[in-house]
Amino acid sequence: MDKSWRALAAVVAATLAAATLIAPAAQASQATQSTQSTQSTVESAATAAATAQAQASAAPMASAAALPAAVNVPAPGTYAGPGFDACSAPAPDLMAAWLTASPYRAVGIYIGGVNRFCTQPQLTPAWVSAQQAAGWHLVPIYLGLQPYCTTSNKEFRFTAANAAASGRAAAGDAVARASALGLGRGSAIFNDIEAYSTTDPVCRQAVLTFQSAWTTRLHDLGYLSGFYSSLSSGVADQVAVYGSTAYVRPDYLWFARYDGVATVENPAIPGSYWPHRRIKQYQNPALTGGPETWGGKTLEVDRNQLDVTPVPATAFGDFTGNGWSDLISRQTATGYLFLYPGNGTGLGTPTRIGSGWNGLDSISRLGDFNRDGKEDVLARDPVTGALLLYRGTGSGFVSRLTIGSGWNGMREITPSGDINLDGYPDLFAVAKSTGCLYYYRGRGTSLLPGVRLGCGWNAMSELVGLGDFTRDGRIDLAARTTATGELWLYPGTATVLGARSRIGTSWNTMRDLVGVGDFDRDGFTDLVAIKSATGELFRYPGRGTSLGTALRIGTSWTGMRPIL
């Protein structure tokens, strides 16, 4: 997307000179965005980068939190076919003519960034609404700071020292601009990183750090992350770390490969990476012979091929409400309850959301029990046997409610999701004295009397509500055989639970097995657990009828119990 728009050179030069833009010099942590440590992005450095980006962009910058809710559908939506991008958003009459006469149904729009060249007189909330209503799929692009080793002519760059802070600031600015245009939460914003030198390993790592910080911040704000770059530099580096937990992976990939072939496939990108979340830029004006004319309207464009679908939201596990599964845990030494925001790859900086939780046991996530749009937490008072509902707010809890009594006779109190499909989350529990499993139907602020499903469950431990693990529309349960360490899947059926199947062995080495919903938003629900001997935290990706290879997403969890 490195366009040389000579007609605008004088205007651009004057604008940039007046802006006095300097890449932020503040030092930020060079640690990768690993979920094994606390993110230490320095907000002052982020503010400096955001200020520079604001000065260079036409639209006024605003706080993402202060902006009004957007009204349009999330971009880019579902689309497979040809698209184009141009330096400046086209006029409405051209968009109308091309919608009728051209093969294109998607258009890339430059919403901001310190290195954005062209003015955007057409790019307004009204334009965005009109084009989406007409049937265009919009692809928001942000042309911000470039790596110091860029091979492009982009002037404003980040360094290895400020990569994380700059990426975070760029994401905040991008969200503010997208929201101001009416592109709301759930939309993807593509960070445009032009080709860069692949002979500088420090710079290559800086790009990964920048993009990881960008993605993390977009996820925090409820947006999705796209990454645009050349196949041989930025895309190659993203492919190399696709399975790593050291960097937060972008949700969409847009690669430039000017071979004239309209496809999103390429041997350099494994087919299982970013399926139906890809765009390829395959021709620029130099290869197409110049401007294109459709319906009597002419414009110089890059040609793209798209295969994109929305990223599925997790059905449960999202305490903060930003679309991504989170984790909650109690610090046993203090009784503090901490919220760890998820970002699709790992966990972000924890926030304390409660104290005094050492006086409670059987603490677990309950989903949105009272159907107010926020996830709730369940706990038992071991002294009285009262079952307590803590209604979530997204950042903490309001006053608790007692929803049951006499629960000291039960163990493995396990929220399961909506078993009977009546719209309310339910739960399972095992009677200590008999080993019988009971099913309790939720009613928003109470539970109906338990229904006995079967006995012999004292041989089982670590019951886990997995959500719709098998993707058949029913809620499933997992449980571990205490003596053997085997992990079993009990599929949900119209009569609650069906015949079990074994999905793992040697699980006696793990504790605090928890279903976290669709953590990476690949359409399958996942499981996390702590390795008892080391305190390492692992995520096990769901595969529908099995679990994938464990991914370590944290260390030093020995002092945390339970996790939920």
Protein backbone atom coordinates (compact mmCIF):
# COMPACT_ATOMS: atom_id res chain seq x y z
CA MET A 1 0.00 0.00 0.00
CA ASP A 2 3.03 2.24 -0.39
CA LYS A 3 1.52 4.72 -2.84
CA SER A 4 3.36 7.68 -4.39
CA TRP A 5 0.65 10.24 -4.88
CA ARG A 6 2.71 12.93 -6.53
CA ALA A 7 -0.19 15.33 -6.99
CA LEU A 8 -0.53 15.61 -3.23
CA ALA A 9 3.16 15.88 -2.41
CA ALA A 10 3.19 19.60 -1.74
CA VAL A 11 0.12 19.50 0.48
CA VAL A 12 1.40 16.51 2.41
CA ALA A 13 4.83 18.03 2.93
CA ALA A 14 3.33 21.24 4.26
CA THR A 15 0.98 19.38 6.60
CA LEU A 16 3.71 17.17 8.01
CA ALA A 17 6.11 20.07 8.45
CA ALA A 18 3.54 21.97 10.47
CA ALA A 19 2.84 18.95 12.65
CA THR A 20 6.39 18.68 14.06
CA LEU A 21 6.07 14.93 14.38
CA ILE A 22 8.62 12.99 16.40
CA ALA A 23 8.45 9.30 17.20
CA PRO A 24 8.10 8.84 20.99
CA ALA A 25 11.44 8.52 22.74
CA ALA A 26 10.23 7.31 26.12
CA GLN A 27 11.60 3.94 27.13
CA ALA A 28 9.14 1.07 27.45
CA SER A 29 9.58 -2.51 28.56
CA GLN A 30 11.16 -4.68 25.91
CA ALA A 31 9.47 -7.76 27.28
CA THR A 32 7.21 -9.42 24.75
CA GLN A 33 3.51 -9.44 25.37
CA SER A 34 3.77 -12.76 27.15
CA THR A 35 0.93 -13.64 29.44
CA GLN A 36 3.49 -15.02 31.86
CA SER A 37 4.37 -11.55 33.14
CA THR A 38 2.63 -8.28 33.79
CA GLN A 39 2.45 -5.97 30.79
CA SER A 40 4.45 -2.88 31.65
CA THR A 41 3.51 -0.50 28.85
CA VAL A 42 4.25 3.06 29.95
CA GLU A 43 1.18 5.21 29.43
CA SER A 44 3.21 8.39 29.06
CA ALA A 45 5.05 6.91 26.10
CA ALA A 46 1.78 5.72 24.67
CA THR A 47 0.34 9.21 25.01
CA ALA A 48 3.29 10.69 23.16
CA ALA A 49 2.78 8.32 20.26
CA ALA A 50 -0.95 8.96 20.20
CA THR A 51 -0.35 12.72 20.16
CA ALA A 52 1.92 12.41 17.15
CA GLN A 53 -0.64 10.31 15.34
CA ALA A 54 -3.41 12.76 16.15
CA GLN A 55 -1.46 15.67 14.70
CA ALA A 56 -0.94 13.89 11.41
CA SER A 57 -4.52 12.71 10.85
CA ALA A 58 -7.40 14.70 9.50
CA ALA A 59 -10.08 13.51 11.92
CA PRO A 60 -9.95 14.88 15.50
CA MET A 61 -8.76 12.39 18.08
CA ALA A 62 -11.05 11.53 20.97
CA SER A 63 -10.94 9.20 23.91
CA ALA A 64 -12.17 5.76 22.89
CA ALA A 65 -14.19 5.52 26.08
CA ALA A 66 -15.84 8.91 25.53
CA LEU A 67 -17.03 8.30 21.99
CA PRO A 68 -20.71 7.58 21.29
CA ALA A 69 -21.65 4.05 20.36
CA ALA A 70 -21.26 3.33 16.67
CA VAL A 71 -24.35 2.34 14.72
CA ASN A 72 -23.03 0.39 11.74
CA VAL A 73 -22.33 -3.30 11.31
CA PRO A 74 -18.85 -4.56 12.26
CA ALA A 75 -16.38 -4.42 9.39
CA PRO A 76 -15.51 -6.20 7.17
CA GLY A 77 -18.27 -8.77 7.77
CA THR A 78 -18.61 -11.90 5.63
CA TYR A 79 -17.32 -11.70 2.09
CA ALA A 80 -15.35 -13.75 -0.43
CA GLY A 81 -14.43 -12.01 -3.65
CA PRO A 82 -12.60 -9.05 -5.19
CA GLY A 83 -12.00 -5.72 -3.51
CA PHE A 84 -9.88 -2.63 -3.91
CA ASP A 85 -8.18 0.03 -1.84
CA ALA A 86 -7.40 3.61 -2.80
CA CYS A 87 -5.41 6.35 -1.13
CA SER A 88 -8.51 8.46 -0.48
CA ALA A 89 -12.06 7.28 0.12
CA PRO A 90 -13.88 7.59 -3.24
CA ALA A 91 -16.76 9.97 -3.84
CA PRO A 92 -20.29 8.58 -3.43
CA ASP A 93 -21.06 8.75 -7.16
CA LEU A 94 -18.02 6.61 -7.96
CA MET A 95 -18.94 4.13 -5.23
CA ALA A 96 -22.45 3.86 -6.66
CA ALA A 97 -21.20 3.42 -10.22
CA TRP A 98 -18.63 0.81 -9.25
CA LEU A 99 -21.13 -1.11 -7.13
CA THR A 100 -23.24 -1.55 -10.25
CA ALA A 101 -20.58 -2.01 -12.92
CA SER A 102 -17.42 -3.40 -11.27
CA PRO A 103 -16.70 -6.83 -9.79
CA TYR A 104 -15.69 -5.23 -6.49
CA ARG A 105 -17.74 -5.38 -3.31
CA ALA A 106 -15.08 -4.49 -0.72
CA VAL A 107 -13.04 -1.32 -0.27
CA GLY A 108 -10.10 -0.51 1.97
CA ILE A 109 -10.30 2.87 3.70
CA TYR A 110 -7.47 4.69 5.46
CA ILE A 111 -9.00 5.82 8.74
CA GLY A 112 -5.86 7.37 10.26
CA GLY A 113 -2.23 7.08 11.21
CA VAL A 114 0.80 9.33 11.32
CA ASN A 115 2.00 8.14 7.89
CA ARG A 116 -1.34 8.42 6.12
CA PHE A 117 -0.66 10.52 3.01
CA CYS A 118 -3.95 11.44 1.42
CA THR A 119 -6.61 13.79 2.66
CA GLN A 120 -9.99 12.18 3.25
CA PRO A 121 -12.71 14.72 2.36
CA GLN A 122 -15.25 11.95 1.73
CA LEU A 123 -14.52 9.83 4.79
CA THR A 124 -17.29 10.78 7.21
CA PRO A 125 -19.74 8.83 9.36
CA ALA A 126 -22.41 9.50 6.74
CA TRP A 127 -20.19 8.07 3.99
CA VAL A 128 -19.48 4.95 6.04
CA SER A 129 -23.17 4.39 6.79
CA ALA A 130 -24.18 4.97 3.18
CA GLN A 131 -21.60 2.58 1.73
CA GLN A 132 -22.38 -0.18 4.20
CA ALA A 133 -26.10 0.25 3.54
CA ALA A 134 -25.43 0.01 -0.20
CA GLY A 135 -23.67 -3.32 0.27
CA TRP A 136 -19.99 -2.44 0.40
CA HIS A 137 -17.72 -4.31 2.81
CA LEU A 138 -15.38 -1.78 4.40
CA VAL A 139 -11.83 -2.69 5.42
CA PRO A 140 -10.42 -0.09 7.87
CA ILE A 141 -6.68 0.57 7.45
CA TYR A 142 -4.41 2.43 9.87
CA LEU A 143 -1.07 3.65 8.47
CA GLY A 144 0.80 4.53 11.64
CA LEU A 145 4.43 4.46 12.71
CA GLN A 146 6.67 2.14 10.70
CA PRO A 147 9.63 0.08 11.97
CA TYR A 148 12.98 1.82 11.96
CA CYS A 149 14.21 -0.75 9.41
CA THR A 150 11.40 -0.10 6.92
CA THR A 151 12.35 -0.20 3.26
CA SER A 152 9.51 2.20 2.43
CA ASN A 153 9.71 5.99 2.27
CA LYS A 154 7.51 6.44 5.34
CA GLU A 155 9.05 9.12 7.52
CA PHE A 156 7.71 8.42 10.99
CA ARG A 157 8.95 5.29 12.71
CA PHE A 158 9.12 3.41 15.97
CA THR A 159 12.21 1.95 17.58
CA ALA A 160 12.89 -1.31 19.35
CA ALA A 161 12.79 0.57 22.65
CA ASN A 162 9.34 2.09 22.19
CA ALA A 163 7.69 -0.60 20.05
CA ALA A 164 5.24 -1.80 22.72
CA ALA A 165 4.19 1.69 23.82
CA SER A 166 3.85 2.83 20.22
CA GLY A 167 1.73 -0.17 19.27
CA ARG A 168 -0.59 0.36 22.20
CA ALA A 169 -0.95 4.07 21.46
CA ALA A 170 -1.60 3.42 17.78
CA ALA A 171 -4.38 0.98 18.64
CA GLY A 172 -6.06 3.46 20.97
CA ASP A 173 -5.95 6.15 18.31
CA ALA A 174 -7.23 3.75 15.66
CA VAL A 175 -10.21 2.77 17.82
CA ALA A 176 -11.06 6.41 18.49
CA ARG A 177 -11.07 7.14 14.76
CA ALA A 178 -12.99 4.01 13.83
CA SER A 179 -15.64 4.69 16.45
CA ALA A 180 -15.94 8.32 15.34
CA LEU A 181 -16.70 7.05 11.83
CA GLY A 182 -19.37 4.69 13.12
CA LEU A 183 -17.26 1.53 12.90
CA GLY A 184 -18.04 -0.03 16.24
CA ARG A 185 -16.89 -2.83 18.50
CA GLY A 186 -16.38 -6.09 16.69
CA SER A 187 -14.84 -4.37 13.68
CA ALA A 188 -11.34 -5.28 12.54
CA ILE A 189 -8.75 -2.54 12.03
CA PHE A 190 -5.73 -3.40 9.88
CA ASN A 191 -2.35 -2.11 10.96
CA ASP A 192 -0.37 -1.30 7.80
CA ILE A 193 3.29 -2.23 8.24
CA GLU A 194 5.15 -1.70 4.98
CA ALA A 195 7.99 -3.99 3.90
CA TYR A 196 11.04 -3.92 6.13
CA SER A 197 14.53 -5.39 6.23
CA THR A 198 14.67 -9.04 7.23
CA THR A 199 18.39 -8.89 8.02
CA ASP A 200 17.91 -7.01 11.31
CA PRO A 201 16.66 -9.49 13.95
CA VAL A 202 16.15 -6.77 16.56
CA CYS A 203 13.91 -4.83 14.21
CA ARG A 204 11.96 -7.94 13.27
CA GLN A 205 11.27 -8.63 16.95
CA ALA A 206 10.28 -4.98 17.41
CA VAL A 207 7.63 -5.38 14.71
CA LEU A 208 6.25 -8.45 16.48
CA THR A 209 6.20 -6.54 19.76
CA PHE A 210 4.47 -3.53 18.18
CA GLN A 211 1.83 -5.69 16.52
CA SER A 212 1.27 -7.72 19.69
CA ALA A 213 0.71 -4.54 21.70
CA TRP A 214 -1.60 -3.24 18.97
CA THR A 215 -3.65 -6.43 19.01
CA THR A 216 -3.81 -6.59 22.80
CA ARG A 217 -5.11 -3.03 23.04
CA LEU A 218 -7.68 -3.54 20.28
CA HIS A 219 -8.96 -6.61 22.09
CA ASP A 220 -9.17 -4.64 25.34
CA LEU A 221 -11.38 -2.11 23.56
CA GLY A 222 -13.60 -4.72 21.90
CA TYR A 223 -12.13 -4.48 18.40
CA LEU A 224 -10.41 -7.08 16.25
CA SER A 225 -6.88 -6.86 14.92
CA GLY A 226 -5.79 -7.05 11.31
CA PHE A 227 -2.23 -7.03 10.03
CA TYR A 228 -1.12 -5.91 6.57
CA SER A 229 2.42 -6.39 5.29
CA SER A 230 4.52 -7.91 2.55
CA LEU A 231 4.64 -11.66 2.26
CA SER A 232 8.41 -11.75 2.63
CA SER A 233 8.77 -9.56 5.73
CA GLY A 234 5.88 -8.88 8.10
CA VAL A 235 3.75 -11.83 7.04
CA ALA A 236 6.67 -14.26 7.18
CA ASP A 237 7.42 -13.16 10.74
CA GLN A 238 3.79 -13.50 11.83
CA VAL A 239 3.61 -16.98 10.32
CA ALA A 240 6.78 -17.96 12.19
CA VAL A 241 5.24 -17.14 15.59
CA TYR A 242 1.65 -18.22 14.82
CA GLY A 243 1.63 -20.86 17.55
CA SER A 244 3.65 -18.87 20.07
CA THR A 245 2.19 -17.51 23.29
CA ALA A 246 4.89 -14.83 23.43
CA TYR A 247 2.95 -12.58 21.03
CA VAL A 248 -0.76 -11.89 20.72
CA ARG A 249 -1.78 -13.05 17.25
CA PRO A 250 -3.70 -10.75 14.89
CA ASP A 251 -7.17 -11.97 14.00
CA TYR A 252 -6.94 -11.22 10.26
CA LEU A 253 -4.04 -11.34 7.81
CA TRP A 254 -3.67 -9.16 4.70
CA PHE A 255 -0.62 -9.98 2.63
CA ALA A 256 0.89 -8.20 -0.35
CA ARG A 257 2.12 -10.39 -3.16
CA TYR A 258 2.05 -8.70 -6.57
CA ASP A 259 1.84 -11.78 -8.77
CA GLY A 260 -1.50 -10.98 -10.41
CA VAL A 261 -3.15 -14.09 -8.96
CA ALA A 262 -6.49 -13.40 -7.27
CA THR A 263 -6.36 -15.90 -4.40
CA VAL A 264 -5.88 -15.79 -0.64
CA GLU A 265 -3.84 -18.98 -0.67
CA ASN A 266 -0.05 -19.04 -0.66
CA PRO A 267 2.42 -21.84 0.12
CA ALA A 268 4.16 -19.59 2.63
CA ILE A 269 1.01 -19.47 4.79
CA PRO A 270 -0.24 -22.84 6.10
CA GLY A 271 -3.87 -23.46 5.27
CA SER A 272 -4.79 -23.81 8.95
CA TYR A 273 -3.50 -20.29 9.70
CA TRP A 274 -6.12 -17.54 9.57
CA PRO A 275 -8.72 -19.62 7.69
CA HIS A 276 -11.44 -17.38 6.19
CA ARG A 277 -9.68 -14.38 7.72
CA ARG A 278 -7.38 -13.47 4.85
CA ILE A 279 -6.94 -10.78 2.22
CA LYS A 280 -4.37 -10.72 -0.55
CA GLN A 281 -3.25 -7.58 -2.35
CA TYR A 282 -2.21 -9.01 -5.69
CA GLN A 283 -1.89 -6.03 -8.09
CA ASN A 284 -1.05 -2.35 -7.85
CA PRO A 285 -1.60 0.34 -10.51
CA ALA A 286 1.84 -0.24 -12.00
CA LEU A 287 0.80 -3.80 -12.83
CA THR A 288 -2.77 -3.07 -13.90
CA GLY A 289 -1.73 -0.39 -16.35
CA GLY A 290 -3.05 2.58 -14.41
CA PRO A 291 -6.51 3.74 -13.39
CA GLU A 292 -9.61 1.57 -13.82
CA THR A 293 -12.93 2.75 -15.22
CA TRP A 294 -16.28 1.23 -14.26
CA GLY A 295 -19.65 2.78 -14.96
CA GLY A 296 -17.95 5.82 -16.42
CA LYS A 297 -16.01 6.55 -13.22
CA THR A 298 -12.20 6.27 -13.10
CA LEU A 299 -9.92 5.62 -10.13
CA GLU A 300 -6.40 4.28 -9.50
CA VAL A 301 -6.58 1.34 -7.08
CA ASP A 302 -4.81 -1.68 -5.69
CA ARG A 303 -6.60 -4.95 -6.38
CA ASN A 304 -7.33 -7.38 -3.57
CA GLN A 305 -8.93 -10.76 -3.08
CA LEU A 306 -10.81 -11.38 0.18
CA ASP A 307 -12.03 -14.38 2.12
CA VAL A 308 -13.26 -13.02 5.45
CA THR A 309 -15.83 -13.99 8.03
CA PRO A 310 -16.56 -12.56 11.48
CA VAL A 311 -14.55 -13.89 14.41
CA PRO A 312 -17.00 -15.86 16.59
CA ALA A 313 -17.56 -14.41 20.04
CA THR A 314 -17.19 -16.67 23.05
CA ALA A 315 -20.53 -17.81 24.45
CA PHE A 316 -19.25 -17.59 28.03
CA GLY A 317 -16.13 -16.70 29.97
CA ASP A 318 -16.08 -13.00 29.02
CA PHE A 319 -16.28 -11.18 32.35
CA THR A 320 -15.27 -7.74 31.04
CA GLY A 321 -17.64 -7.78 28.07
CA ASN A 322 -15.04 -7.04 25.38
CA GLY A 323 -15.63 -10.29 23.48
CA TRP A 324 -12.68 -12.27 24.86
CA SER A 325 -12.62 -14.92 27.58
CA ASP A 326 -11.05 -13.88 30.86
CA LEU A 327 -9.81 -15.71 33.92
CA ILE A 328 -10.48 -15.02 37.60
CA SER A 329 -8.44 -16.40 40.49
CA ARG A 330 -8.05 -16.06 44.25
CA GLN A 331 -4.67 -15.34 45.81
CA THR A 332 -4.61 -17.76 48.73
CA ALA A 333 -2.18 -15.71 50.84
CA THR A 334 -4.37 -12.60 50.87
CA GLY A 335 -7.87 -13.67 49.91
CA TYR A 336 -7.84 -11.16 47.07
CA LEU A 337 -9.74 -11.99 43.90
CA PHE A 338 -8.02 -11.00 40.65
CA LEU A 339 -9.33 -10.61 37.13
CA TYR A 340 -6.96 -11.54 34.29
CA PRO A 341 -8.25 -10.16 30.98
CA GLY A 342 -7.87 -12.54 28.05
CA ASN A 343 -6.63 -11.44 24.65
CA GLY A 344 -6.98 -14.60 22.60
CA THR A 345 -3.40 -15.77 23.15
CA GLY A 346 -2.83 -15.28 26.86
CA LEU A 347 -3.69 -13.07 29.80
CA GLY A 348 -3.10 -9.39 30.45
CA THR A 349 -2.35 -7.39 33.57
CA PRO A 350 -4.47 -8.56 36.53
CA THR A 351 -6.86 -6.24 38.36
CA ARG A 352 -8.01 -6.82 41.92
CA ILE A 353 -11.80 -7.11 41.95
CA GLY A 354 -12.45 -8.38 45.47
CA SER A 355 -11.10 -9.10 48.94
CA GLY A 356 -12.04 -11.39 51.80
CA TRP A 357 -12.55 -14.39 49.55
CA ASN A 358 -10.59 -16.75 51.81
CA GLY A 359 -13.77 -17.11 53.84
CA LEU A 360 -15.48 -18.83 50.90
CA ASP A 361 -15.07 -22.08 49.00
CA SER A 362 -16.48 -23.72 45.86
CA ILE A 363 -15.87 -20.46 44.01
CA SER A 364 -16.75 -20.76 40.33
CA ARG A 365 -17.87 -18.81 37.29
CA LEU A 366 -21.57 -18.99 36.62
CA GLY A 367 -22.02 -17.32 33.26
CA ASP A 368 -24.70 -14.65 33.05
CA PHE A 369 -26.91 -16.21 35.71
CA ASN A 370 -29.33 -13.29 36.16
CA ARG A 371 -29.35 -12.39 32.45
CA ASP A 372 -28.27 -8.77 32.86
CA GLY A 373 -25.54 -9.06 30.23
CA LYS A 374 -22.71 -9.55 32.74
CA GLU A 375 -21.01 -12.72 33.94
CA ASP A 376 -21.51 -13.73 37.57
CA VAL A 377 -19.63 -15.73 40.20
CA LEU A 378 -20.86 -18.39 42.59
CA ALA A 379 -19.41 -19.22 46.02
CA ARG A 380 -20.32 -21.15 49.16
CA ASP A 381 -20.02 -20.05 52.76
CA PRO A 382 -18.41 -23.14 54.39
CA VAL A 383 -19.67 -22.14 57.83
CA THR A 384 -23.36 -21.81 57.00
CA GLY A 385 -23.59 -23.82 53.79
CA ALA A 386 -25.21 -20.86 52.02
CA LEU A 387 -24.80 -20.68 48.25
CA LEU A 388 -24.04 -17.11 47.21
CA LEU A 389 -24.47 -15.31 43.90
CA TYR A 390 -22.08 -12.45 43.17
CA ARG A 391 -23.54 -10.44 40.32
CA GLY A 392 -20.83 -9.21 37.99
CA THR A 393 -20.51 -5.69 36.64
CA GLY A 394 -17.64 -6.30 34.20
CA SER A 395 -15.10 -4.89 36.64
CA GLY A 396 -16.33 -6.21 39.99
CA PHE A 397 -19.54 -7.17 41.78
CA VAL A 398 -22.66 -5.66 43.28
CA SER A 399 -24.10 -6.92 46.56
CA ARG A 400 -24.39 -10.69 46.79
CA LEU A 401 -27.57 -12.75 46.94
CA THR A 402 -28.18 -16.01 48.78
CA ILE A 403 -29.63 -18.48 46.28
CA GLY A 404 -29.48 -21.68 48.34
CA SER A 405 -28.89 -23.22 51.75
CA GLY A 406 -27.64 -26.56 53.05
CA TRP A 407 -24.93 -26.83 50.40
CA ASN A 408 -22.25 -28.13 52.79
CA GLY A 409 -23.31 -31.63 51.84
CA MET A 410 -22.31 -31.09 48.22
CA ARG A 411 -18.96 -31.02 46.40
CA GLU A 412 -17.86 -30.27 42.83
CA ILE A 413 -20.41 -27.48 42.53
CA THR A 414 -20.01 -26.89 38.81
CA PRO A 415 -21.78 -24.26 36.69
CA SER A 416 -22.52 -25.81 33.33
CA GLY A 417 -24.28 -23.31 31.11
CA ASP A 418 -27.83 -23.65 29.85
CA ILE A 419 -28.37 -27.41 29.86
CA ASN A 420 -32.12 -27.44 29.15
CA LEU A 421 -32.08 -24.52 26.68
CA ASP A 422 -34.50 -22.37 28.68
CA GLY A 423 -32.21 -19.33 28.63
CA TYR A 424 -30.83 -19.68 32.18
CA PRO A 425 -27.44 -21.15 33.21
CA ASP A 426 -27.66 -24.31 35.30
CA LEU A 427 -25.25 -26.25 37.50
CA PHE A 428 -24.21 -29.72 38.62
CA ALA A 429 -23.12 -30.91 42.06
CA VAL A 430 -22.18 -34.21 43.70
CA ALA A 431 -23.62 -35.29 47.07
CA LYS A 432 -20.69 -36.14 49.35
CA SER A 433 -22.49 -38.89 51.25
CA THR A 434 -23.89 -40.81 48.28
CA GLY A 435 -21.76 -39.85 45.29
CA CYS A 436 -24.90 -39.03 43.34
CA LEU A 437 -24.80 -36.31 40.67
CA TYR A 438 -27.54 -33.68 40.76
CA TYR A 439 -28.64 -31.19 38.14
CA TYR A 440 -29.98 -27.79 39.29
CA ARG A 441 -31.87 -25.57 36.86
CA GLY A 442 -31.18 -21.86 37.13
CA ARG A 443 -33.90 -19.23 37.42
CA GLY A 444 -31.91 -16.00 37.37
CA THR A 445 -31.85 -15.36 41.12
CA SER A 446 -32.55 -18.87 42.41
CA LEU A 447 -32.26 -22.57 41.65
CA LEU A 448 -34.96 -25.18 41.24
CA PRO A 449 -34.67 -28.35 43.37
CA GLY A 450 -31.98 -30.73 42.17
CA VAL A 451 -32.71 -33.68 39.89
CA ARG A 452 -30.65 -36.80 40.53
CA LEU A 453 -28.95 -38.02 37.36
CA GLY A 454 -26.94 -40.98 38.64
CA CYS A 455 -24.60 -42.20 41.36
CA GLY A 456 -21.01 -43.42 41.53
CA TRP A 457 -19.62 -39.92 41.05
CA ASN A 458 -17.45 -40.01 44.18
CA ALA A 459 -14.91 -41.70 41.92
CA MET A 460 -14.79 -38.51 39.87
CA SER A 461 -13.20 -35.13 40.57
CA GLU A 462 -12.58 -31.86 38.74
CA LEU A 463 -15.97 -31.61 37.06
CA VAL A 464 -15.77 -28.99 34.31
CA GLY A 465 -18.53 -27.17 32.45
CA LEU A 466 -17.18 -26.94 28.90
CA GLY A 467 -20.03 -25.14 27.19
CA ASP A 468 -20.94 -26.57 23.78
CA PHE A 469 -17.65 -28.41 23.35
CA THR A 470 -18.91 -30.71 20.60
CA ARG A 471 -20.70 -27.88 18.75
CA ASP A 472 -24.00 -29.74 18.50
CA GLY A 473 -26.05 -27.09 20.30
CA ARG A 474 -25.93 -28.82 23.70
CA ILE A 475 -23.87 -28.06 26.81
CA ASP A 476 -21.22 -30.66 27.69
CA LEU A 477 -19.46 -31.73 30.89
CA ALA A 478 -16.00 -33.13 31.58
CA ALA A 479 -14.82 -35.02 34.65
CA ARG A 480 -11.64 -36.74 35.82
CA THR A 481 -11.41 -40.23 37.27
CA THR A 482 -9.50 -39.62 40.48
CA ALA A 483 -7.78 -43.00 40.62
CA THR A 484 -6.53 -43.13 37.03
CA GLY A 485 -6.30 -39.51 35.91
CA GLU A 486 -8.44 -40.17 32.84
CA LEU A 487 -10.46 -37.22 31.57
CA TRP A 488 -13.94 -37.96 30.25
CA LEU A 489 -16.33 -35.99 28.08
CA TYR A 490 -20.04 -36.30 28.86
CA PRO A 491 -21.92 -34.84 25.89
CA GLY A 492 -25.09 -32.92 26.53
CA THR A 493 -28.33 -34.41 25.22
CA ALA A 494 -32.06 -33.81 25.47
CA THR A 495 -31.95 -35.96 28.62
CA VAL A 496 -29.03 -33.95 30.09
CA LEU A 497 -25.95 -36.18 29.58
CA GLY A 498 -25.05 -38.92 27.11
CA ALA A 499 -22.51 -41.75 27.02
CA ARG A 500 -19.04 -40.61 27.94
CA SER A 501 -15.86 -40.77 25.85
CA ARG A 502 -12.26 -40.48 27.02
CA ILE A 503 -10.49 -37.30 25.89
CA GLY A 504 -7.32 -37.45 27.98
CA THR A 505 -5.03 -39.37 30.33
CA SER A 506 -2.56 -38.44 33.09
CA TRP A 507 -4.66 -35.52 34.28
CA ASN A 508 -3.83 -36.26 37.93
CA THR A 509 -0.84 -33.96 37.47
CA MET A 510 -3.17 -31.01 36.89
CA ARG A 511 -5.48 -29.05 39.20
CA ASP A 512 -8.18 -26.42 38.83
CA LEU A 513 -9.52 -27.58 35.49
CA VAL A 514 -11.75 -24.81 34.13
CA GLY A 515 -13.75 -24.30 30.96
CA VAL A 516 -13.01 -20.79 29.71
CA GLY A 517 -15.25 -20.63 26.67
CA ASP A 518 -13.79 -20.02 23.22
CA PHE A 519 -10.60 -18.38 24.45
CA ASP A 520 -8.97 -17.89 21.05
CA ARG A 521 -12.30 -17.43 19.22
CA ASP A 522 -11.70 -20.20 16.72
CA GLY A 523 -15.20 -21.60 17.18
CA PHE A 524 -14.26 -24.27 19.77
CA THR A 525 -14.45 -24.03 23.56
CA ASP A 526 -11.21 -24.52 25.48
CA LEU A 527 -9.97 -25.66 28.89
CA VAL A 528 -7.27 -24.29 31.21
CA ALA A 529 -5.53 -25.99 34.12
CA ILE A 530 -2.58 -25.55 36.48
CA LYS A 531 0.25 -28.08 36.64
CA SER A 532 0.43 -28.93 40.33
CA ALA A 533 4.17 -29.51 40.53
CA THR A 534 5.29 -26.31 38.79
CA GLY A 535 2.47 -23.79 39.04
CA GLU A 536 2.44 -23.36 35.26
CA LEU A 537 -0.85 -22.41 33.64
CA PHE A 538 -1.80 -24.21 30.43
CA ARG A 539 -4.56 -23.78 27.88
CA TYR A 540 -5.85 -26.82 26.03
CA PRO A 541 -7.53 -25.81 22.75
CA GLY A 542 -10.81 -27.57 22.13
CA ARG A 543 -11.19 -29.64 18.97
CA GLY A 544 -14.82 -30.70 19.26
CA THR A 545 -14.23 -34.28 20.37
CA SER A 546 -10.73 -33.92 21.80
CA LEU A 547 -8.22 -31.45 23.20
CA GLY A 548 -5.27 -30.01 21.31
CA THR A 549 -1.67 -29.67 22.43
CA ALA A 550 -1.25 -27.74 25.68
CA LEU A 551 -0.06 -24.14 25.39
CA ARG A 552 1.65 -22.57 28.38
CA ILE A 553 0.08 -19.19 29.08
CA GLY A 554 1.45 -18.43 32.53
CA THR A 555 3.86 -19.27 35.34
CA SER A 556 3.95 -18.75 39.12
CA TRP A 557 0.33 -19.75 39.68
CA THR A 558 1.15 -21.91 42.71
CA GLY A 559 -0.28 -19.31 45.08
CA MET A 560 -3.50 -18.91 43.11
CA ARG A 561 -6.51 -21.13 43.86
CA PRO A 562 -9.06 -21.67 42.57
CA ILE A 563 -9.06 -20.39 39.02
CA LEU A 564 -12.41 -19.76 37.40
